[in-house]
Amino acid sequence: MKKIAILGPNLESQGGVNVVIEHLKNFFISQNIEVYLYPVGKTNIKESKYIHPINSNNKKIQLKLLEQKFMDDFNLVIANNLRTHYLLSNLNVNNDLYVFHQGSVLQEKNFITSLKQKIRFKKIYNNKRVVFLNKCFKDEFLRKFNVNIEYTVIPNPFDFEKIKRKADQIKINGDYILGVGRFTKSKNFDFLLKAYAKGDFSEELWLLGDGEERENLQRLAVNLGIEKKVKFLGWHKNPFPYIKNAKILVHPSKFEALPTILIEALILNTPVIATDIKCGPGDILMNELKDFLVPLNNVEILSDKMKKALKSYPKIKDEYIEKYRLENVGCQYLRFLQ
């Protein structure tokens, strides 16, 4: 039986990377492949046959623990974030694969930081196999870092049927515009609040998520005079009923690799609006949907597009999202098996 190892963040961490890992794990198992998880970071998860936690936040200790626990008979080893990329590159295996989920690596940095990053990336990725989530990310990465890699473009996988089932588990009542994500500066929810305040919408604004910017966003809502119309809902284990029943979903982020929330909304036939950032949304909103890409931090245009989407939104065609179906994505990973 073939074996695959998957390295990623600790299993308690929020975010899309662990969702992707779970989807791929289930697909590989359905293909009679054994899957071993190596979650990296401080955790309460216990050791088991198929889960080997790297229970530390210290890079040197993580590498030592991974070397102790790692088996040498895998047909494929997949690393899914920057920390596990570094760790995997130090194991000296010949069947490794590096998947980039972090669009923030394309963010401009000062000269010294940028130079250090370029040197570090050459050491990690030169002559490695790398997966990018879209062509734009791949092109920008190669331009910025000039590393010699063997690359493939494969989007993240989505379990369409599971998403639809979970969306129907509870009924959400209300007329609302939805924003979903971590409350961080890069997710840019202050932009959405300002656009919402400018538009004088009858629908409420519901924000699903949490993070270090929550108090700042709550203060901004008060300053804008919209605090009675904005609901901060916190994290929800199952966000899909909220997504399905939203009038529109707005994604105001500054940096993304492949924003999963946009694809999940389209799968649930929910209209979406997103910032036209360097990579990500422009690969998802195809054809007539591209009209709902808005310039970053242009409050007036975002507000106008929200009104337009509420009034009339193009048909979300199956052809726009079929490439993200789990079975189609999973089969592309099988090509890497040795």
Protein backbone atom coordinates (compact mmCIF):
# COMPACT_ATOMS: atom_id res chain seq x y z
CA MET A 1 0.00 0.00 0.00
CA LYS A 2 1.26 3.47 -0.88
CA LYS A 3 1.88 5.99 1.90
CA ILE A 4 1.66 9.78 1.98
CA ALA A 5 2.87 12.12 4.73
CA ILE A 6 1.27 15.54 5.11
CA LEU A 7 2.96 18.31 7.10
CA GLY A 8 0.99 21.36 8.20
CA PRO A 9 0.04 23.61 11.11
CA ASN A 10 -1.19 22.17 14.40
CA LEU A 11 -4.63 20.65 14.03
CA GLU A 12 -6.32 23.18 16.34
CA SER A 13 -5.34 26.16 14.19
CA GLN A 14 -8.06 28.09 12.36
CA GLY A 15 -7.74 28.76 8.66
CA GLY A 16 -7.99 27.14 5.27
CA VAL A 17 -4.78 25.09 5.26
CA ASN A 18 -6.12 22.49 7.68
CA VAL A 19 -9.36 22.29 5.69
CA VAL A 20 -7.35 21.52 2.56
CA ILE A 21 -5.31 18.90 4.42
CA GLU A 22 -8.48 17.22 5.69
CA HIS A 23 -9.99 17.11 2.19
CA LEU A 24 -6.86 15.65 0.59
CA LYS A 25 -6.44 13.16 3.41
CA ASN A 26 -9.98 11.86 2.85
CA PHE A 27 -9.44 11.65 -0.91
CA PHE A 28 -6.17 9.74 -0.57
CA ILE A 29 -7.76 7.32 1.88
CA SER A 30 -10.59 6.74 -0.64
CA GLN A 31 -7.85 5.71 -3.10
CA ASN A 32 -6.51 3.07 -0.67
CA ILE A 33 -3.51 5.19 0.32
CA GLU A 34 -2.34 5.42 3.93
CA VAL A 35 -2.06 9.01 5.16
CA TYR A 36 0.16 10.12 8.04
CA LEU A 37 -0.21 13.63 9.48
CA TYR A 38 2.64 15.64 11.01
CA PRO A 39 1.02 18.75 12.51
CA VAL A 40 3.62 21.30 13.62
CA GLY A 41 3.17 23.59 16.61
CA LYS A 42 2.23 23.50 20.28
CA THR A 43 -0.76 21.20 20.62
CA ASN A 44 -2.85 18.98 22.89
CA ILE A 45 -3.29 16.36 20.16
CA LYS A 46 -1.93 12.97 21.21
CA GLU A 47 0.35 10.66 19.26
CA SER A 48 -1.39 7.88 17.31
CA LYS A 49 -0.65 5.56 14.41
CA TYR A 50 -1.51 8.13 11.76
CA ILE A 51 -0.96 11.43 13.65
CA HIS A 52 2.51 12.41 14.86
CA PRO A 53 2.38 15.89 16.47
CA ILE A 54 5.52 18.02 16.41
CA ASN A 55 4.62 19.55 19.75
CA SER A 56 6.74 22.71 19.96
CA ASN A 57 6.83 26.28 18.67
CA ASN A 58 10.63 26.32 18.57
CA LYS A 59 12.09 25.76 15.10
CA LYS A 60 15.16 23.81 16.28
CA ILE A 61 13.10 21.57 18.53
CA GLN A 62 10.54 21.05 15.75
CA LEU A 63 13.24 19.86 13.38
CA LYS A 64 14.68 17.50 15.99
CA LEU A 65 11.24 16.03 16.78
CA LEU A 66 10.40 15.63 13.09
CA GLU A 67 13.68 13.81 12.43
CA GLN A 68 12.90 11.45 15.33
CA LYS A 69 9.32 10.70 14.28
CA PHE A 70 9.59 10.76 10.50
CA MET A 71 9.44 7.49 8.61
CA ASP A 72 11.50 6.98 5.46
CA ASP A 73 9.19 4.88 3.31
CA PHE A 74 6.68 7.46 2.06
CA ASN A 75 5.75 7.62 -1.61
CA LEU A 76 5.04 11.35 -1.27
CA VAL A 77 5.64 13.99 1.41
CA ILE A 78 3.62 17.22 1.20
CA ALA A 79 4.45 20.37 3.19
CA ASN A 80 1.71 23.00 3.37
CA ASN A 81 3.05 26.14 5.06
CA LEU A 82 6.29 28.10 5.32
CA ARG A 83 7.43 26.49 8.57
CA THR A 84 6.89 22.94 7.29
CA HIS A 85 8.58 23.90 3.99
CA TYR A 86 11.70 24.75 5.99
CA LEU A 87 11.48 21.57 8.06
CA LEU A 88 10.90 19.30 5.08
CA SER A 89 13.80 20.85 3.15
CA ASN A 90 16.09 19.75 6.00
CA LEU A 91 15.00 16.10 5.89
CA ASN A 92 16.76 15.40 2.57
CA VAL A 93 14.02 13.20 1.11
CA ASN A 94 13.64 12.81 -2.65
CA ASN A 95 9.85 12.63 -2.89
CA ASP A 96 9.01 15.99 -1.30
CA LEU A 97 6.40 18.50 -2.51
CA TYR A 98 5.95 22.10 -1.34
CA VAL A 99 2.50 23.69 -1.57
CA PHE A 100 2.16 27.47 -1.30
CA HIS A 101 -0.99 28.72 0.44
CA GLN A 102 0.46 31.98 1.79
CA GLY A 103 -0.16 34.91 -0.54
CA SER A 104 1.57 37.18 1.97
CA VAL A 105 5.00 36.01 0.70
CA LEU A 106 4.41 38.31 -2.27
CA GLN A 107 3.98 41.33 -0.02
CA GLU A 108 6.61 44.01 -0.57
CA LYS A 109 9.21 44.24 2.22
CA ASN A 110 12.15 46.49 2.99
CA PHE A 111 15.44 45.82 1.21
CA ILE A 112 17.21 43.89 3.99
CA THR A 113 14.19 41.70 4.81
CA SER A 114 13.58 41.03 1.12
CA LEU A 115 17.21 40.06 0.55
CA LYS A 116 17.20 37.65 3.49
CA GLN A 117 13.97 36.10 2.24
CA LYS A 118 15.40 35.58 -1.25
CA ILE A 119 18.49 33.86 0.17
CA ARG A 120 16.35 31.67 2.44
CA PHE A 121 13.95 30.72 -0.34
CA LYS A 122 16.76 29.72 -2.70
CA LYS A 123 18.10 27.41 -0.01
CA ILE A 124 14.68 25.83 0.63
CA TYR A 125 13.18 25.62 -2.87
CA ASN A 126 15.99 25.33 -5.42
CA ASN A 127 15.52 22.14 -7.46
CA LYS A 128 12.32 21.29 -5.56
CA ARG A 129 8.81 20.49 -6.77
CA VAL A 130 6.43 23.30 -5.88
CA VAL A 131 2.65 23.60 -6.19
CA PHE A 132 1.05 27.02 -6.63
CA LEU A 133 -2.68 27.61 -6.28
CA ASN A 134 -2.96 29.73 -9.41
CA LYS A 135 -0.89 30.95 -12.36
CA CYS A 136 -0.67 34.52 -11.06
CA PHE A 137 0.89 33.38 -7.78
CA LYS A 138 3.37 31.24 -9.70
CA ASP A 139 4.37 34.07 -12.05
CA GLU A 140 4.82 36.59 -9.23
CA PHE A 141 6.79 34.14 -7.09
CA LEU A 142 9.23 33.33 -9.89
CA ARG A 143 9.65 37.01 -10.74
CA LYS A 144 10.26 37.99 -7.15
CA PHE A 145 12.52 35.16 -5.97
CA ASN A 146 14.11 33.77 -9.15
CA VAL A 147 14.45 30.23 -7.83
CA ASN A 148 15.04 27.14 -9.94
CA ILE A 149 12.00 24.93 -9.29
CA GLU A 150 9.78 22.38 -10.96
CA TYR A 151 6.34 23.93 -10.61
CA THR A 152 2.73 22.88 -11.08
CA VAL A 153 -0.49 24.89 -10.69
CA ILE A 154 -3.17 23.03 -8.71
CA PRO A 155 -6.02 24.82 -6.90
CA ASN A 156 -7.24 23.89 -3.45
CA PRO A 157 -9.81 21.06 -3.30
CA PHE A 158 -13.41 21.46 -2.15
CA ASP A 159 -15.91 18.79 -1.16
CA PHE A 160 -18.98 20.24 -2.88
CA GLU A 161 -21.49 17.77 -1.45
CA LYS A 162 -20.20 18.13 2.11
CA ILE A 163 -20.33 21.93 1.90
CA LYS A 164 -23.93 21.80 0.68
CA ARG A 165 -24.95 19.33 3.39
CA LYS A 166 -23.41 21.45 6.13
CA ALA A 167 -25.07 24.57 4.71
CA ASP A 168 -28.47 22.96 5.24
CA GLN A 169 -27.86 21.88 8.85
CA ILE A 170 -29.39 25.03 10.32
CA LYS A 171 -31.57 27.81 8.96
CA ILE A 172 -30.32 31.36 9.23
CA ASN A 173 -32.93 34.10 9.12
CA GLY A 174 -32.29 37.71 8.26
CA ASP A 175 -31.35 40.05 5.45
CA TYR A 176 -27.62 40.55 5.74
CA ILE A 177 -24.36 41.20 3.93
CA LEU A 178 -21.61 38.84 5.12
CA GLY A 179 -17.88 39.11 5.72
CA VAL A 180 -15.89 36.06 6.85
CA GLY A 181 -12.29 35.75 8.03
CA ARG A 182 -9.69 36.55 10.65
CA PHE A 183 -9.84 40.07 12.02
CA THR A 184 -6.32 41.11 11.03
CA LYS A 185 -4.98 44.15 9.20
CA SER A 186 -4.32 42.11 6.05
CA LYS A 187 -7.94 40.92 5.91
CA ASN A 188 -8.93 44.60 5.70
CA PHE A 189 -12.38 44.54 7.30
CA ASP A 190 -12.18 48.27 8.03
CA PHE A 191 -12.55 48.75 4.25
CA LEU A 192 -15.80 46.78 4.30
CA LEU A 193 -17.14 48.74 7.29
CA LYS A 194 -16.44 52.06 5.57
CA ALA A 195 -18.10 50.94 2.32
CA TYR A 196 -21.11 49.64 4.25
CA ALA A 197 -21.45 52.93 6.14
CA LYS A 198 -21.27 54.93 2.91
CA GLY A 199 -24.03 52.94 1.23
CA ASP A 200 -26.78 53.31 3.87
CA PHE A 201 -27.92 49.72 3.31
CA SER A 202 -31.16 48.34 4.69
CA GLU A 203 -29.48 44.92 5.12
CA GLU A 204 -27.40 44.33 8.25
CA LEU A 205 -23.67 43.60 8.05
CA TRP A 206 -22.67 40.35 9.75
CA LEU A 207 -18.99 39.61 10.39
CA LEU A 208 -18.07 35.99 11.03
CA GLY A 209 -14.64 35.59 12.61
CA ASP A 210 -12.34 36.93 15.28
CA GLY A 211 -8.82 38.21 15.79
CA GLU A 212 -6.61 40.93 17.18
CA GLU A 213 -8.37 43.70 15.24
CA ARG A 214 -11.83 42.98 16.66
CA GLU A 215 -11.86 45.84 19.18
CA ASN A 216 -10.54 48.29 16.59
CA LEU A 217 -13.27 47.23 14.16
CA GLN A 218 -15.94 47.58 16.84
CA ARG A 219 -14.70 51.09 17.63
CA LEU A 220 -14.71 51.95 13.93
CA ALA A 221 -18.34 50.78 13.63
CA VAL A 222 -19.24 53.14 16.49
CA ASN A 223 -17.34 56.02 14.91
CA LEU A 224 -19.11 55.41 11.60
CA GLY A 225 -22.49 55.35 13.35
CA ILE A 226 -23.34 51.82 12.17
CA GLU A 227 -22.79 49.83 15.38
CA LYS A 228 -26.51 48.95 15.65
CA LYS A 229 -26.50 47.42 12.16
CA VAL A 230 -23.22 45.47 12.43
CA LYS A 231 -23.09 42.07 14.15
CA PHE A 232 -19.79 40.57 15.28
CA LEU A 233 -20.64 36.87 15.42
CA GLY A 234 -17.27 35.37 16.39
CA TRP A 235 -16.01 32.06 15.00
CA HIS A 236 -18.50 29.38 14.00
CA LYS A 237 -17.43 25.81 13.41
CA ASN A 238 -19.92 25.59 10.56
CA PRO A 239 -20.00 28.90 8.63
CA PHE A 240 -21.81 27.48 5.60
CA PRO A 241 -25.42 28.21 6.66
CA TYR A 242 -24.41 31.87 7.10
CA ILE A 243 -22.74 31.88 3.69
CA LYS A 244 -25.65 30.20 1.92
CA ASN A 245 -28.27 32.56 3.33
CA ALA A 246 -26.33 35.81 2.87
CA LYS A 247 -27.58 38.27 0.28
CA ILE A 248 -23.96 38.82 -0.77
CA LEU A 249 -20.54 37.92 0.60
CA VAL A 250 -17.80 40.58 0.53
CA HIS A 251 -14.10 39.66 0.73
CA PRO A 252 -12.01 42.83 1.31
CA SER A 253 -8.57 41.21 1.82
CA LYS A 254 -5.24 42.83 0.89
CA PHE A 255 -3.32 39.57 0.29
CA GLU A 256 -4.43 36.08 -0.72
CA ALA A 257 -3.14 33.02 -2.52
CA LEU A 258 -6.50 31.37 -3.18
CA PRO A 259 -9.32 32.76 -0.99
CA THR A 260 -11.33 29.65 -0.16
CA ILE A 261 -14.30 31.61 1.14
CA LEU A 262 -15.05 32.94 -2.37
CA ILE A 263 -15.15 29.44 -3.84
CA GLU A 264 -17.30 28.13 -0.97
CA ALA A 265 -19.76 30.97 -1.53
CA LEU A 266 -19.95 30.27 -5.28
CA ILE A 267 -20.53 26.57 -4.58
CA LEU A 268 -23.50 27.66 -2.44
CA ASN A 269 -24.67 30.05 -5.19
CA THR A 270 -24.06 33.14 -3.03
CA PRO A 271 -23.04 36.33 -4.90
CA VAL A 272 -19.53 37.50 -4.03
CA ILE A 273 -17.55 40.71 -4.27
CA ALA A 274 -13.78 40.80 -3.75
CA THR A 275 -10.85 43.15 -3.90
CA ASP A 276 -8.90 43.03 -7.15
CA ILE A 277 -5.60 42.17 -5.51
CA LYS A 278 -2.53 40.82 -7.26
CA CYS A 279 -3.39 37.13 -7.02
CA GLY A 280 -6.42 35.11 -5.98
CA PRO A 281 -9.88 36.60 -6.59
CA GLY A 282 -9.18 37.41 -10.23
CA ASP A 283 -8.64 33.69 -10.92
CA ILE A 284 -11.95 32.80 -9.27
CA LEU A 285 -14.40 35.43 -10.52
CA MET A 286 -14.57 34.54 -14.18
CA ASN A 287 -16.16 36.22 -17.20
CA GLU A 288 -19.08 38.44 -16.16
CA LEU A 289 -18.31 37.87 -12.47
CA LYS A 290 -15.13 39.93 -12.92
CA ASP A 291 -17.32 43.03 -12.80
CA PHE A 292 -17.47 42.43 -9.04
CA LEU A 293 -13.73 42.79 -8.48
CA VAL A 294 -13.12 46.18 -6.87
CA PRO A 295 -9.96 48.29 -6.47
CA LEU A 296 -8.29 47.93 -3.09
CA ASN A 297 -9.57 50.48 -0.55
CA ASN A 298 -11.79 52.39 -2.99
CA VAL A 299 -14.73 52.79 -0.61
CA GLU A 300 -17.08 54.38 -3.11
CA ILE A 301 -16.67 51.67 -5.76
CA LEU A 302 -17.07 48.86 -3.22
CA SER A 303 -20.23 50.44 -1.86
CA ASP A 304 -21.64 50.83 -5.37
CA LYS A 305 -20.78 47.23 -6.32
CA MET A 306 -22.47 45.96 -3.17
CA LYS A 307 -25.65 47.78 -4.18
CA LYS A 308 -25.39 46.42 -7.72
CA ALA A 309 -24.89 42.84 -6.51
CA LEU A 310 -27.87 43.10 -4.17
CA LYS A 311 -30.02 44.27 -7.07
CA SER A 312 -28.82 41.85 -9.75
CA TYR A 313 -25.97 39.32 -9.95
CA PRO A 314 -24.93 37.11 -12.91
CA LYS A 315 -25.69 33.39 -12.93
CA ILE A 316 -22.97 31.39 -11.17
CA LYS A 317 -22.24 28.66 -13.72
CA ASP A 318 -20.92 25.19 -12.87
CA GLU A 319 -17.99 25.68 -15.26
CA TYR A 320 -16.66 28.47 -13.03
CA ILE A 321 -16.12 26.17 -10.04
CA GLU A 322 -15.77 22.61 -11.38
CA LYS A 323 -11.97 22.72 -11.35
CA TYR A 324 -12.08 23.04 -7.54
CA ARG A 325 -14.00 19.79 -7.01
CA LEU A 326 -12.10 17.46 -4.63
CA GLU A 327 -11.94 14.53 -7.05
CA ASN A 328 -10.50 16.69 -9.85
CA VAL A 329 -7.84 18.23 -7.59
CA GLY A 330 -6.94 14.99 -5.79
CA CYS A 331 -6.20 13.18 -9.05
CA GLN A 332 -3.63 15.84 -9.92
CA TYR A 333 -1.74 15.11 -6.69
CA LEU A 334 -1.65 11.40 -7.50
CA ARG A 335 0.73 12.18 -10.36
CA PHE A 336 3.46 12.95 -7.81
CA LEU A 337 3.36 9.52 -6.18
CA GLN A 338 6.58 7.50 -6.48
